[in-house]
Amino acid sequence: MRGNIAQLMQQAQAMQENMQRAQNELGNVEVTGQAGGGMVEVTLTGRMECRKVRIDPTTVSDIEMLEDLLAAAMNDAVNKANAAAQERMSAATQGMGLPAGMKLPF
């Protein structure tokens, strides 16, 4: 029994180290969400930090449309960043015996 507990502790420590490494990598990952066929683009890191916003000048004359496009591009970027984070975390916990499809709190 003592051997099983030691093995579980080692696995937990390895998983924690892998997850920390994956979190650090997410700061270097960039994803770009877009809307309006690329008229508005928002680039985020895997940590949800905004790096860049690009707006086609033709959209500036219609503020209401621009607001909608910005919101849509931001949502697209957030979805992509979440997918990248989930992919990194899944790779970090691979081989740990976690149930398939288990969503991590990141």
PDB file of N, CA and C in Angstrom:
ATOM      1  N   MET A   1       0.817  -1.188   0.000  1.00  0.00           N
ATOM      2  CA  MET A   1       0.000   0.000   0.000  1.00  0.00           C
ATOM      3  C   MET A   1       0.869   1.264   0.000  1.00  0.00           C
ATOM      4  N   ARG A   2       1.935   1.254   0.777  1.00  0.00           N
ATOM      5  CA  ARG A   2       2.825   2.412   0.841  1.00  0.00           C
ATOM      6  C   ARG A   2       3.438   2.691  -0.542  1.00  0.00           C
ATOM      7  N   GLY A   3       3.741   1.632  -1.285  1.00  0.00           N
ATOM      8  CA  GLY A   3       4.290   1.795  -2.636  1.00  0.00           C
ATOM      9  C   GLY A   3       3.297   2.454  -3.572  1.00  0.00           C
ATOM     10  N   ASN A   4       2.013   2.097  -3.439  1.00  0.00           N
ATOM     11  CA  ASN A   4       0.982   2.707  -4.279  1.00  0.00           C
ATOM     12  C   ASN A   4       0.846   4.198  -4.001  1.00  0.00           C
ATOM     13  N   ILE A   5       0.899   4.565  -2.735  1.00  0.00           N
ATOM     14  CA  ILE A   5       0.781   5.975  -2.369  1.00  0.00           C
ATOM     15  C   ILE A   5       1.979   6.757  -2.897  1.00  0.00           C
ATOM     16  N   ALA A   6       3.157   6.189  -2.771  1.00  0.00           N
ATOM     17  CA  ALA A   6       4.361   6.852  -3.277  1.00  0.00           C
ATOM     18  C   ALA A   6       4.274   7.025  -4.787  1.00  0.00           C
ATOM     19  N   GLN A   7       3.775   5.989  -5.468  1.00  0.00           N
ATOM     20  CA  GLN A   7       3.634   6.067  -6.922  1.00  0.00           C
ATOM     21  C   GLN A   7       2.606   7.141  -7.309  1.00  0.00           C
ATOM     22  N   LEU A   8       1.504   7.202  -6.589  1.00  0.00           N
ATOM     23  CA  LEU A   8       0.490   8.226  -6.850  1.00  0.00           C
ATOM     24  C   LEU A   8       1.049   9.630  -6.621  1.00  0.00           C
ATOM     25  N   MET A   9       1.840   9.778  -5.583  1.00  0.00           N
ATOM     26  CA  MET A   9       2.445  11.083  -5.298  1.00  0.00           C
ATOM     27  C   MET A   9       3.411  11.487  -6.414  1.00  0.00           C
ATOM     28  N   GLN A  10       4.183  10.522  -6.915  1.00  0.00           N
ATOM     29  CA  GLN A  10       5.103  10.807  -8.011  1.00  0.00           C
ATOM     30  C   GLN A  10       4.332  11.209  -9.263  1.00  0.00           C
ATOM     31  N   GLN A  11       3.240  10.486  -9.546  1.00  0.00           N
ATOM     32  CA  GLN A  11       2.423  10.819 -10.714  1.00  0.00           C
ATOM     33  C   GLN A  11       1.821  12.213 -10.570  1.00  0.00           C
ATOM     34  N   ALA A  12       1.334  12.525  -9.380  1.00  0.00           N
ATOM     35  CA  ALA A  12       0.735  13.842  -9.144  1.00  0.00           C
ATOM     36  C   ALA A  12       1.776  14.943  -9.318  1.00  0.00           C
ATOM     37  N   GLN A  13       2.982  14.714  -8.828  1.00  0.00           N
ATOM     38  CA  GLN A  13       4.042  15.709  -8.967  1.00  0.00           C
ATOM     39  C   GLN A  13       4.424  15.880 -10.438  1.00  0.00           C
ATOM     40  N   ALA A  14       4.530  14.770 -11.161  1.00  0.00           N
ATOM     41  CA  ALA A  14       4.866  14.847 -12.585  1.00  0.00           C
ATOM     42  C   ALA A  14       3.779  15.594 -13.351  1.00  0.00           C
ATOM     43  N   MET A  15       2.522  15.313 -13.027  1.00  0.00           N
ATOM     44  CA  MET A  15       1.419  15.991 -13.697  1.00  0.00           C
ATOM     45  C   MET A  15       1.455  17.486 -13.388  1.00  0.00           C
ATOM     46  N   GLN A  16       1.729  17.836 -12.152  1.00  0.00           N
ATOM     47  CA  GLN A  16       1.797  19.246 -11.767  1.00  0.00           C
ATOM     48  C   GLN A  16       2.915  19.956 -12.535  1.00  0.00           C
ATOM     49  N   GLU A  17       4.061  19.314 -12.656  1.00  0.00           N
ATOM     50  CA  GLU A  17       5.179  19.902 -13.396  1.00  0.00           C
ATOM     51  C   GLU A  17       4.827  20.061 -14.870  1.00  0.00           C
ATOM     52  N   ASN A  18       4.192  19.026 -15.448  1.00  0.00           N
ATOM     53  CA  ASN A  18       3.790  19.089 -16.851  1.00  0.00           C
ATOM     54  C   ASN A  18       2.766  20.195 -17.087  1.00  0.00           C
ATOM     55  N   MET A  19       1.829  20.336 -16.158  1.00  0.00           N
ATOM     56  CA  MET A  19       0.808  21.361 -16.306  1.00  0.00           C
ATOM     57  C   MET A  19       1.412  22.758 -16.158  1.00  0.00           C
ATOM     58  N   GLN A  20       2.368  22.922 -15.276  1.00  0.00           N
ATOM     59  CA  GLN A  20       3.040  24.217 -15.129  1.00  0.00           C
ATOM     60  C   GLN A  20       3.800  24.565 -16.402  1.00  0.00           C
ATOM     61  N   ARG A  21       4.460  23.573 -16.968  1.00  0.00           N
ATOM     62  CA  ARG A  21       5.194  23.783 -18.217  1.00  0.00           C
ATOM     63  C   ARG A  21       4.218  24.180 -19.335  1.00  0.00           C
ATOM     64  N   ALA A  22       3.073  23.489 -19.390  1.00  0.00           N
ATOM     65  CA  ALA A  22       2.065  23.802 -20.403  1.00  0.00           C
ATOM     66  C   ALA A  22       1.520  25.216 -20.205  1.00  0.00           C
ATOM     67  N   GLN A  23       1.291  25.617 -18.957  1.00  0.00           N
ATOM     68  CA  GLN A  23       0.820  26.981 -18.674  1.00  0.00           C
ATOM     69  C   GLN A  23       1.841  28.012 -19.161  1.00  0.00           C
ATOM     70  N   ASN A  24       3.112  27.744 -18.925  1.00  0.00           N
ATOM     71  CA  ASN A  24       4.163  28.657 -19.380  1.00  0.00           C
ATOM     72  C   ASN A  24       4.182  28.750 -20.903  1.00  0.00           C
ATOM     73  N   GLU A  25       3.989  27.618 -21.574  1.00  0.00           N
ATOM     74  CA  GLU A  25       3.973  27.597 -23.035  1.00  0.00           C
ATOM     75  C   GLU A  25       2.811  28.411 -23.586  1.00  0.00           C
ATOM     76  N   LEU A  26       1.698  28.424 -22.865  1.00  0.00           N
ATOM     77  CA  LEU A  26       0.524  29.148 -23.347  1.00  0.00           C
ATOM     78  C   LEU A  26       0.793  30.644 -23.503  1.00  0.00           C
ATOM     79  N   GLY A  27       1.732  31.171 -22.758  1.00  0.00           N
ATOM     80  CA  GLY A  27       2.087  32.580 -22.913  1.00  0.00           C
ATOM     81  C   GLY A  27       2.718  32.875 -24.261  1.00  0.00           C
ATOM     82  N   ASN A  28       3.276  31.845 -24.906  1.00  0.00           N
ATOM     83  CA  ASN A  28       3.916  32.011 -26.208  1.00  0.00           C
ATOM     84  C   ASN A  28       3.001  31.668 -27.373  1.00  0.00           C
ATOM     85  N   VAL A  29       1.865  31.041 -27.084  1.00  0.00           N
ATOM     86  CA  VAL A  29       0.919  30.666 -28.135  1.00  0.00           C
ATOM     87  C   VAL A  29       0.095  31.893 -28.506  1.00  0.00           C
ATOM     88  N   GLU A  30      -0.062  32.141 -29.799  1.00  0.00           N
ATOM     89  CA  GLU A  30      -0.935  33.217 -30.251  1.00  0.00           C
ATOM     90  C   GLU A  30      -1.994  32.649 -31.178  1.00  0.00           C
ATOM     91  N   VAL A  31      -3.223  33.088 -30.981  1.00  0.00           N
ATOM     92  CA  VAL A  31      -4.334  32.703 -31.848  1.00  0.00           C
ATOM     93  C   VAL A  31      -5.005  33.982 -32.328  1.00  0.00           C
ATOM     94  N   THR A  32      -5.552  33.925 -33.531  1.00  0.00           N
ATOM     95  CA  THR A  32      -6.218  35.093 -34.093  1.00  0.00           C
ATOM     96  C   THR A  32      -7.653  34.747 -34.431  1.00  0.00           C
ATOM     97  N   GLY A  33      -8.558  35.515 -33.866  1.00  0.00           N
ATOM     98  CA  GLY A  33      -9.970  35.396 -34.203  1.00  0.00           C
ATOM     99  C   GLY A  33     -10.316  36.485 -35.191  1.00  0.00           C
ATOM    100  N   GLN A  34     -11.278  36.182 -36.060  1.00  0.00           N
ATOM    101  CA  GLN A  34     -11.659  37.191 -37.030  1.00  0.00           C
ATOM    102  C   GLN A  34     -13.151  37.198 -37.266  1.00  0.00           C
ATOM    103  N   ALA A  35     -13.606  38.283 -37.841  1.00  0.00           N
ATOM    104  CA  ALA A  35     -15.020  38.429 -38.164  1.00  0.00           C
ATOM    105  C   ALA A  35     -15.137  39.281 -39.420  1.00  0.00           C
ATOM    106  N   GLY A  36     -16.282  39.171 -40.058  1.00  0.00           N
ATOM    107  CA  GLY A  36     -16.514  39.960 -41.269  1.00  0.00           C
ATOM    108  C   GLY A  36     -15.565  39.598 -42.384  1.00  0.00           C
ATOM    109  N   GLY A  37     -15.246  38.305 -42.498  1.00  0.00           N
ATOM    110  CA  GLY A  37     -14.334  37.876 -43.553  1.00  0.00           C
ATOM    111  C   GLY A  37     -12.941  38.453 -43.400  1.00  0.00           C
ATOM    112  N   GLY A  38     -12.531  38.694 -42.155  1.00  0.00           N
ATOM    113  CA  GLY A  38     -11.196  39.217 -41.896  1.00  0.00           C
ATOM    114  C   GLY A  38     -11.145  40.732 -41.783  1.00  0.00           C
ATOM    115  N   MET A  39     -12.313  41.379 -41.795  1.00  0.00           N
ATOM    116  CA  MET A  39     -12.332  42.841 -41.662  1.00  0.00           C
ATOM    117  C   MET A  39     -11.859  43.281 -40.278  1.00  0.00           C
ATOM    118  N   VAL A  40     -12.085  42.423 -39.284  1.00  0.00           N
ATOM    119  CA  VAL A  40     -11.620  42.688 -37.923  1.00  0.00           C
ATOM    120  C   VAL A  40     -10.911  41.439 -37.421  1.00  0.00           C
ATOM    121  N   GLU A  41      -9.726  41.615 -36.874  1.00  0.00           N
ATOM    122  CA  GLU A  41      -8.964  40.503 -36.310  1.00  0.00           C
ATOM    123  C   GLU A  41      -8.495  40.865 -34.905  1.00  0.00           C
ATOM    124  N   VAL A  42      -8.562  39.881 -34.012  1.00  0.00           N
ATOM    125  CA  VAL A  42      -8.087  40.043 -32.639  1.00  0.00           C
ATOM    126  C   VAL A  42      -7.116  38.905 -32.364  1.00  0.00           C
ATOM    127  N   THR A  43      -5.916  39.228 -31.917  1.00  0.00           N
ATOM    128  CA  THR A  43      -4.911  38.223 -31.592  1.00  0.00           C
ATOM    129  C   THR A  43      -4.727  38.174 -30.083  1.00  0.00           C
ATOM    130  N   LEU A  44      -4.876  36.959 -29.532  1.00  0.00           N
ATOM    131  CA  LEU A  44      -4.711  36.716 -28.098  1.00  0.00           C
ATOM    132  C   LEU A  44      -3.608  35.701 -27.880  1.00  0.00           C
ATOM    133  N   THR A  45      -3.020  35.726 -26.684  1.00  0.00           N
ATOM    134  CA  THR A  45      -2.130  34.637 -26.289  1.00  0.00           C
ATOM    135  C   THR A  45      -2.992  33.522 -25.712  1.00  0.00           C
ATOM    136  N   GLY A  46      -2.376  32.391 -25.467  1.00  0.00           N
ATOM    137  CA  GLY A  46      -3.080  31.284 -24.827  1.00  0.00           C
ATOM    138  C   GLY A  46      -3.500  31.608 -23.406  1.00  0.00           C
ATOM    139  N   ARG A  47      -2.983  32.686 -22.858  1.00  0.00           N
ATOM    140  CA  ARG A  47      -3.366  33.143 -21.511  1.00  0.00           C
ATOM    141  C   ARG A  47      -4.433  34.230 -21.565  1.00  0.00           C
ATOM    142  N   MET A  48      -5.022  34.415 -22.734  1.00  0.00           N
ATOM    143  CA  MET A  48      -6.107  35.385 -22.956  1.00  0.00           C
ATOM    144  C   MET A  48      -5.643  36.839 -22.876  1.00  0.00           C
ATOM    145  N   GLU A  49      -4.369  37.091 -23.117  1.00  0.00           N
ATOM    146  CA  GLU A  49      -3.861  38.462 -23.162  1.00  0.00           C
ATOM    147  C   GLU A  49      -3.968  38.959 -24.599  1.00  0.00           C
ATOM    148  N   CYS A  50      -4.542  40.127 -24.788  1.00  0.00           N
ATOM    149  CA  CYS A  50      -4.704  40.685 -26.127  1.00  0.00           C
ATOM    150  C   CYS A  50      -3.359  41.211 -26.625  1.00  0.00           C
ATOM    151  N   ARG A  51      -2.949  40.744 -27.790  1.00  0.00           N
ATOM    152  CA  ARG A  51      -1.675  41.179 -28.372  1.00  0.00           C
ATOM    153  C   ARG A  51      -1.877  42.224 -29.464  1.00  0.00           C
ATOM    154  N   LYS A  52      -2.989  42.058 -30.235  1.00  0.00           N
ATOM    155  CA  LYS A  52      -3.148  42.940 -31.382  1.00  0.00           C
ATOM    156  C   LYS A  52      -4.616  42.969 -31.800  1.00  0.00           C
ATOM    157  N   VAL A  53      -5.044  44.120 -32.279  1.00  0.00           N
ATOM    158  CA  VAL A  53      -6.360  44.279 -32.891  1.00  0.00           C
ATOM    159  C   VAL A  53      -6.127  44.945 -34.241  1.00  0.00           C
ATOM    160  N   ARG A  54      -6.677  44.351 -35.283  1.00  0.00           N
ATOM    161  CA  ARG A  54      -6.561  44.937 -36.624  1.00  0.00           C
ATOM    162  C   ARG A  54      -7.966  45.209 -37.139  1.00  0.00           C
ATOM    163  N   ILE A  55      -8.184  46.423 -37.608  1.00  0.00           N
ATOM    164  CA  ILE A  55      -9.499  46.837 -38.092  1.00  0.00           C
ATOM    165  C   ILE A  55      -9.349  47.389 -39.505  1.00  0.00           C
ATOM    166  N   ASP A  56     -10.126  46.837 -40.426  1.00  0.00           N
ATOM    167  CA  ASP A  56     -10.161  47.354 -41.790  1.00  0.00           C
ATOM    168  C   ASP A  56     -10.746  48.770 -41.733  1.00  0.00           C
ATOM    169  N   PRO A  57     -10.059  49.747 -42.308  1.00  0.00           N
ATOM    170  CA  PRO A  57     -10.533  51.134 -42.231  1.00  0.00           C
ATOM    171  C   PRO A  57     -11.948  51.351 -42.777  1.00  0.00           C
ATOM    172  N   THR A  58     -12.399  50.495 -43.674  1.00  0.00           N
ATOM    173  CA  THR A  58     -13.739  50.680 -44.238  1.00  0.00           C
ATOM    174  C   THR A  58     -14.843  50.424 -43.217  1.00  0.00           C
ATOM    175  N   THR A  59     -14.518  49.750 -42.117  1.00  0.00           N
ATOM    176  CA  THR A  59     -15.542  49.462 -41.109  1.00  0.00           C
ATOM    177  C   THR A  59     -15.746  50.622 -40.139  1.00  0.00           C
ATOM    178  N   VAL A  60     -14.836  51.576 -40.129  1.00  0.00           N
ATOM    179  CA  VAL A  60     -14.879  52.658 -39.148  1.00  0.00           C
ATOM    180  C   VAL A  60     -16.090  53.573 -39.349  1.00  0.00           C
ATOM    181  N   SER A  61     -16.587  53.670 -40.553  1.00  0.00           N
ATOM    182  CA  SER A  61     -17.716  54.564 -40.820  1.00  0.00           C
ATOM    183  C   SER A  61     -19.028  54.047 -40.228  1.00  0.00           C
ATOM    184  N   ASP A  62     -19.083  52.756 -39.912  1.00  0.00           N
ATOM    185  CA  ASP A  62     -20.300  52.173 -39.320  1.00  0.00           C
ATOM    186  C   ASP A  62     -19.945  51.616 -37.941  1.00  0.00           C
ATOM    187  N   ILE A  63     -20.058  52.459 -36.932  1.00  0.00           N
ATOM    188  CA  ILE A  63     -19.639  52.097 -35.574  1.00  0.00           C
ATOM    189  C   ILE A  63     -20.403  50.888 -35.050  1.00  0.00           C
ATOM    190  N   GLU A  64     -21.692  50.822 -35.299  1.00  0.00           N
ATOM    191  CA  GLU A  64     -22.492  49.695 -34.802  1.00  0.00           C
ATOM    192  C   GLU A  64     -21.995  48.370 -35.387  1.00  0.00           C
ATOM    193  N   MET A  65     -21.715  48.365 -36.693  1.00  0.00           N
ATOM    194  CA  MET A  65     -21.192  47.157 -37.324  1.00  0.00           C
ATOM    195  C   MET A  65     -19.805  46.837 -36.759  1.00  0.00           C
ATOM    196  N   LEU A  66     -18.987  47.848 -36.579  1.00  0.00           N
ATOM    197  CA  LEU A  66     -17.640  47.648 -36.046  1.00  0.00           C
ATOM    198  C   LEU A  66     -17.695  47.032 -34.654  1.00  0.00           C
ATOM    199  N   GLU A  67     -18.599  47.515 -33.820  1.00  0.00           N
ATOM    200  CA  GLU A  67     -18.760  46.948 -32.476  1.00  0.00           C
ATOM    201  C   GLU A  67     -19.132  45.472 -32.545  1.00  0.00           C
ATOM    202  N   ASP A  68     -20.058  45.134 -33.444  1.00  0.00           N
ATOM    203  CA  ASP A  68     -20.465  43.732 -33.604  1.00  0.00           C
ATOM    204  C   ASP A  68     -19.303  42.873 -34.094  1.00  0.00           C
ATOM    205  N   LEU A  69     -18.550  43.403 -35.056  1.00  0.00           N
ATOM    206  CA  LEU A  69     -17.411  42.654 -35.592  1.00  0.00           C
ATOM    207  C   LEU A  69     -16.328  42.462 -34.537  1.00  0.00           C
ATOM    208  N   LEU A  70     -16.075  43.484 -33.738  1.00  0.00           N
ATOM    209  CA  LEU A  70     -15.081  43.356 -32.664  1.00  0.00           C
ATOM    210  C   LEU A  70     -15.494  42.285 -31.657  1.00  0.00           C
ATOM    211  N   ALA A  71     -16.760  42.296 -31.272  1.00  0.00           N
ATOM    212  CA  ALA A  71     -17.243  41.287 -30.321  1.00  0.00           C
ATOM    213  C   ALA A  71     -17.121  39.890 -30.916  1.00  0.00           C
ATOM    214  N   ALA A  72     -17.494  39.735 -32.184  1.00  0.00           N
ATOM    215  CA  ALA A  72     -17.421  38.421 -32.827  1.00  0.00           C
ATOM    216  C   ALA A  72     -15.976  37.953 -32.963  1.00  0.00           C
ATOM    217  N   ALA A  73     -15.070  38.855 -33.344  1.00  0.00           N
ATOM    218  CA  ALA A  73     -13.658  38.491 -33.482  1.00  0.00           C
ATOM    219  C   ALA A  73     -13.064  38.117 -32.129  1.00  0.00           C
ATOM    220  N   MET A  74     -13.435  38.852 -31.099  1.00  0.00           N
ATOM    221  CA  MET A  74     -12.944  38.548 -29.750  1.00  0.00           C
ATOM    222  C   MET A  74     -13.429  37.171 -29.307  1.00  0.00           C
ATOM    223  N   ASN A  75     -14.712  36.890 -29.517  1.00  0.00           N
ATOM    224  CA  ASN A  75     -15.252  35.580 -29.147  1.00  0.00           C
ATOM    225  C   ASN A  75     -14.569  34.457 -29.918  1.00  0.00           C
ATOM    226  N   ASP A  76     -14.296  34.684 -31.198  1.00  0.00           N
ATOM    227  CA  ASP A  76     -13.604  33.685 -32.005  1.00  0.00           C
ATOM    228  C   ASP A  76     -12.203  33.437 -31.451  1.00  0.00           C
ATOM    229  N   ALA A  77     -11.500  34.503 -31.101  1.00  0.00           N
ATOM    230  CA  ALA A  77     -10.151  34.362 -30.541  1.00  0.00           C
ATOM    231  C   ALA A  77     -10.184  33.647 -29.193  1.00  0.00           C
ATOM    232  N   VAL A  78     -11.159  33.972 -28.345  1.00  0.00           N
ATOM    233  CA  VAL A  78     -11.278  33.311 -27.038  1.00  0.00           C
ATOM    234  C   VAL A  78     -11.525  31.818 -27.219  1.00  0.00           C
ATOM    235  N   ASN A  79     -12.403  31.458 -28.150  1.00  0.00           N
ATOM    236  CA  ASN A  79     -12.663  30.035 -28.406  1.00  0.00           C
ATOM    237  C   ASN A  79     -11.399  29.319 -28.872  1.00  0.00           C
ATOM    238  N   LYS A  80     -10.632  29.958 -29.737  1.00  0.00           N
ATOM    239  CA  LYS A  80      -9.386  29.353 -30.219  1.00  0.00           C
ATOM    240  C   LYS A  80      -8.351  29.243 -29.100  1.00  0.00           C
ATOM    241  N   ALA A  81      -8.268  30.258 -28.253  1.00  0.00           N
ATOM    242  CA  ALA A  81      -7.321  30.216 -27.132  1.00  0.00           C
ATOM    243  C   ALA A  81      -7.708  29.116 -26.149  1.00  0.00           C
ATOM    244  N   ASN A  82      -9.005  28.970 -25.890  1.00  0.00           N
ATOM    245  CA  ASN A  82      -9.465  27.892 -25.007  1.00  0.00           C
ATOM    246  C   ASN A  82      -9.128  26.524 -25.587  1.00  0.00           C
ATOM    247  N   ALA A  83      -9.308  26.364 -26.896  1.00  0.00           N
ATOM    248  CA  ALA A  83      -8.984  25.094 -27.543  1.00  0.00           C
ATOM    249  C   ALA A  83      -7.485  24.808 -27.445  1.00  0.00           C
ATOM    250  N   ALA A  84      -6.657  25.831 -27.644  1.00  0.00           N
ATOM    251  CA  ALA A  84      -5.203  25.653 -27.532  1.00  0.00           C
ATOM    252  C   ALA A  84      -4.814  25.281 -26.109  1.00  0.00           C
ATOM    253  N   ALA A  85      -5.445  25.921 -25.131  1.00  0.00           N
ATOM    254  CA  ALA A  85      -5.145  25.611 -23.728  1.00  0.00           C
ATOM    255  C   ALA A  85      -5.551  24.185 -23.395  1.00  0.00           C
ATOM    256  N   GLN A  86      -6.725  23.772 -23.848  1.00  0.00           N
ATOM    257  CA  GLN A  86      -7.193  22.414 -23.576  1.00  0.00           C
ATOM    258  C   GLN A  86      -6.262  21.383 -24.219  1.00  0.00           C
ATOM    259  N   GLU A  87      -5.804  21.694 -25.426  1.00  0.00           N
ATOM    260  CA  GLU A  87      -4.875  20.793 -26.119  1.00  0.00           C
ATOM    261  C   GLU A  87      -3.568  20.655 -25.339  1.00  0.00           C
ATOM    262  N   ARG A  88      -3.024  21.783 -24.869  1.00  0.00           N
ATOM    263  CA  ARG A  88      -1.772  21.749 -24.105  1.00  0.00           C
ATOM    264  C   ARG A  88      -1.952  20.998 -22.786  1.00  0.00           C
ATOM    265  N   MET A  89      -3.054  21.243 -22.108  1.00  0.00           N
ATOM    266  CA  MET A  89      -3.292  20.587 -20.818  1.00  0.00           C
ATOM    267  C   MET A  89      -3.524  19.087 -21.001  1.00  0.00           C
ATOM    268  N   SER A  90      -4.205  18.717 -22.078  1.00  0.00           N
ATOM    269  CA  SER A  90      -4.418  17.293 -22.346  1.00  0.00           C
ATOM    270  C   SER A  90      -3.088  16.597 -22.594  1.00  0.00           C
ATOM    271  N   ALA A  91      -2.210  17.272 -23.333  1.00  0.00           N
ATOM    272  CA  ALA A  91      -0.887  16.698 -23.584  1.00  0.00           C
ATOM    273  C   ALA A  91      -0.096  16.584 -22.284  1.00  0.00           C
ATOM    274  N   ALA A  92      -0.270  17.554 -21.392  1.00  0.00           N
ATOM    275  CA  ALA A  92       0.469  17.551 -20.124  1.00  0.00           C
ATOM    276  C   ALA A  92       0.023  16.420 -19.209  1.00  0.00           C
ATOM    277  N   THR A  93      -1.227  16.008 -19.319  1.00  0.00           N
ATOM    278  CA  THR A  93      -1.749  14.968 -18.425  1.00  0.00           C
ATOM    279  C   THR A  93      -1.833  13.609 -19.103  1.00  0.00           C
ATOM    280  N   GLN A  94      -1.361  13.522 -20.328  1.00  0.00           N
ATOM    281  CA  GLN A  94      -1.401  12.257 -21.059  1.00  0.00           C
ATOM    282  C   GLN A  94      -0.647  11.179 -20.285  1.00  0.00           C
ATOM    283  N   GLY A  95      -1.230  10.016 -20.208  1.00  0.00           N
ATOM    284  CA  GLY A  95      -0.604   8.903 -19.511  1.00  0.00           C
ATOM    285  C   GLY A  95      -0.824   8.908 -18.017  1.00  0.00           C
ATOM    286  N   MET A  96      -1.630   9.824 -17.522  1.00  0.00           N
ATOM    287  CA  MET A  96      -1.883   9.911 -16.084  1.00  0.00           C
ATOM    288  C   MET A  96      -3.132   9.139 -15.671  1.00  0.00           C
ATOM    289  N   GLY A  97      -3.828   8.563 -16.635  1.00  0.00           N
ATOM    290  CA  GLY A  97      -4.998   7.761 -16.308  1.00  0.00           C
ATOM    291  C   GLY A  97      -6.239   8.574 -16.002  1.00  0.00           C
ATOM    292  N   LEU A  98      -6.288   9.818 -16.477  1.00  0.00           N
ATOM    293  CA  LEU A  98      -7.485  10.632 -16.272  1.00  0.00           C
ATOM    294  C   LEU A  98      -8.560  10.206 -17.267  1.00  0.00           C
ATOM    295  N   PRO A  99      -9.825  10.326 -16.903  1.00  0.00           N
ATOM    296  CA  PRO A  99     -10.896   9.948 -17.820  1.00  0.00           C
ATOM    297  C   PRO A  99     -10.851  10.774 -19.100  1.00  0.00           C
ATOM    298  N   ALA A 100     -11.169  10.134 -20.225  1.00  0.00           N
ATOM    299  CA  ALA A 100     -11.175  10.826 -21.510  1.00  0.00           C
ATOM    300  C   ALA A 100     -12.194  11.957 -21.479  1.00  0.00           C
ATOM    301  N   GLY A 101     -11.822  13.083 -22.048  1.00  0.00           N
ATOM    302  CA  GLY A 101     -12.727  14.219 -22.119  1.00  0.00           C
ATOM    303  C   GLY A 101     -12.837  15.021 -20.845  1.00  0.00           C
ATOM    304  N   MET A 102     -12.057  14.681 -19.852  1.00  0.00           N
ATOM    305  CA  MET A 102     -12.111  15.426 -18.587  1.00  0.00           C
ATOM    306  C   MET A 102     -11.602  16.836 -18.820  1.00  0.00           C
ATOM    307  N   LYS A 103     -12.423  17.808 -18.519  1.00  0.00           N
ATOM    308  CA  LYS A 103     -12.036  19.206 -18.708  1.00  0.00           C
ATOM    309  C   LYS A 103     -11.289  19.683 -17.475  1.00  0.00           C
ATOM    310  N   LEU A 104     -10.137  20.235 -17.711  1.00  0.00           N
ATOM    311  CA  LEU A 104      -9.321  20.760 -16.620  1.00  0.00           C
ATOM    312  C   LEU A 104      -9.744  22.194 -16.333  1.00  0.00           C
ATOM    313  N   PRO A 105      -9.489  22.677 -15.159  1.00  0.00           N
ATOM    314  CA  PRO A 105      -9.952  24.021 -14.785  1.00  0.00           C
ATOM    315  C   PRO A 105      -9.086  25.143 -15.328  1.00  0.00           C
ATOM    316  N   PHE A 106      -8.726  25.099 -16.600  1.00  0.00           N
ATOM    317  CA  PHE A 106      -7.879  26.150 -17.163  1.00  0.00           C
ATOM    318  C   PHE A 106      -8.564  26.752 -18.347  1.00  0.00           C
TER     319      PHE A 106
END
